[in-house]
Amino acid sequence: MKAGIHPENYRTVIFRDISNDEEFLTRSCAPSKETATFSDGNEYPVIKVEISNSSHPFFTGKMKFVDTAGRIEKFQNKYARKKK
């Protein structure tokens, strides 16, 4: 890496997939207030993601609904047939 081209807060972080609790270690500038201990015994900042390669249907070959904000219920309520 060239010296002086990366931000000062470029550090090692844990990315945690909240849909299946998988974790992987990489480097990032993304801010985080939370920390956790990784399997190597060291403590790192944690960044939570909704979908990663361990839960995305393209990479897993499994189709599943990921409903984090009640989107399916909102759609069903909006377009539900009204009884007469």
Protein backbone atom coordinates (compact mmCIF):
# COMPACT_ATOMS: atom_id res chain seq x y z
CA MET A 1 0.00 0.00 0.00
CA LYS A 2 1.11 3.52 -0.67
CA ALA A 3 1.72 5.56 2.45
CA GLY A 4 -0.63 8.46 3.13
CA ILE A 5 -3.49 7.55 0.77
CA HIS A 6 -5.75 5.75 3.26
CA PRO A 7 -7.79 7.49 5.96
CA GLU A 8 -6.44 7.34 9.49
CA ASN A 9 -9.37 5.26 10.73
CA TYR A 10 -8.72 2.44 8.21
CA ARG A 11 -8.64 -0.48 10.63
CA THR A 12 -9.47 -4.15 11.07
CA VAL A 13 -13.16 -4.74 11.85
CA ILE A 14 -15.62 -7.60 12.24
CA PHE A 15 -18.55 -7.69 9.82
CA ARG A 16 -21.46 -9.62 11.38
CA ASP A 17 -24.35 -10.91 9.25
CA ILE A 18 -27.38 -10.40 11.52
CA SER A 19 -29.54 -12.91 9.61
CA ASN A 20 -27.36 -15.91 10.46
CA ASP A 21 -24.69 -14.59 12.90
CA GLU A 22 -21.77 -15.35 10.58
CA GLU A 23 -18.71 -13.14 11.11
CA PHE A 24 -15.70 -12.29 9.02
CA LEU A 25 -12.68 -10.11 9.63
CA THR A 26 -11.57 -7.45 7.16
CA ARG A 27 -10.45 -3.82 7.03
CA SER A 28 -12.81 -0.85 6.76
CA CYS A 29 -13.27 2.87 7.45
CA ALA A 30 -16.93 2.45 8.43
CA PRO A 31 -17.74 3.87 11.89
CA SER A 32 -18.80 1.58 14.73
CA LYS A 33 -19.62 2.14 18.39
CA GLU A 34 -19.76 -1.57 19.22
CA THR A 35 -16.85 -3.98 19.79
CA ALA A 36 -16.62 -7.75 20.08
CA THR A 37 -14.01 -10.46 20.50
CA PHE A 38 -13.22 -12.44 17.35
CA SER A 39 -12.20 -16.12 17.30
CA ASP A 40 -8.51 -15.09 17.37
CA GLY A 41 -9.03 -13.63 20.87
CA ASN A 42 -8.60 -9.97 19.89
CA GLU A 43 -11.26 -7.28 20.26
CA TYR A 44 -12.38 -5.38 17.15
CA PRO A 45 -15.13 -2.92 16.19
CA VAL A 46 -18.30 -4.62 14.87
CA ILE A 47 -20.28 -3.57 11.80
CA LYS A 48 -23.65 -5.28 11.33
CA VAL A 49 -24.91 -6.12 7.85
CA GLU A 50 -28.29 -7.53 6.83
CA ILE A 51 -27.05 -9.73 3.98
CA SER A 52 -23.60 -11.14 3.22
CA ASN A 53 -22.27 -13.91 1.00
CA SER A 54 -23.20 -16.44 3.71
CA SER A 55 -26.92 -15.54 3.57
CA HIS A 56 -27.52 -14.16 0.06
CA PRO A 57 -29.60 -16.52 -2.12
CA PHE A 58 -27.22 -16.15 -5.09
CA PHE A 59 -24.28 -17.54 -3.10
CA THR A 60 -26.18 -20.09 -0.98
CA GLY A 61 -28.53 -21.42 -3.67
CA LYS A 62 -31.45 -21.19 -1.23
CA MET A 63 -34.37 -18.84 -1.70
CA LYS A 64 -35.63 -17.25 1.49
CA PHE A 65 -37.38 -14.07 2.47
CA VAL A 66 -35.37 -11.59 4.47
CA ASP A 67 -37.89 -9.29 6.12
CA THR A 68 -36.12 -6.82 8.35
CA ALA A 69 -38.55 -3.92 8.33
CA GLY A 70 -41.95 -5.57 7.93
CA ARG A 71 -41.96 -4.97 4.17
CA ILE A 72 -44.00 -8.05 3.37
CA GLU A 73 -46.70 -7.15 5.90
CA LYS A 74 -46.83 -3.57 4.59
CA PHE A 75 -47.30 -4.85 1.04
CA GLN A 76 -49.98 -7.35 2.07
CA ASN A 77 -51.88 -4.73 4.06
CA LYS A 78 -51.68 -2.21 1.25
CA TYR A 79 -52.89 -4.56 -1.50
CA ALA A 80 -55.12 -6.93 0.49
CA ARG A 81 -58.55 -7.59 -0.98
CA LYS A 82 -61.24 -5.93 0.99
CA LYS A 83 -64.24 -8.04 2.00
CA LYS A 84 -67.58 -6.65 0.89
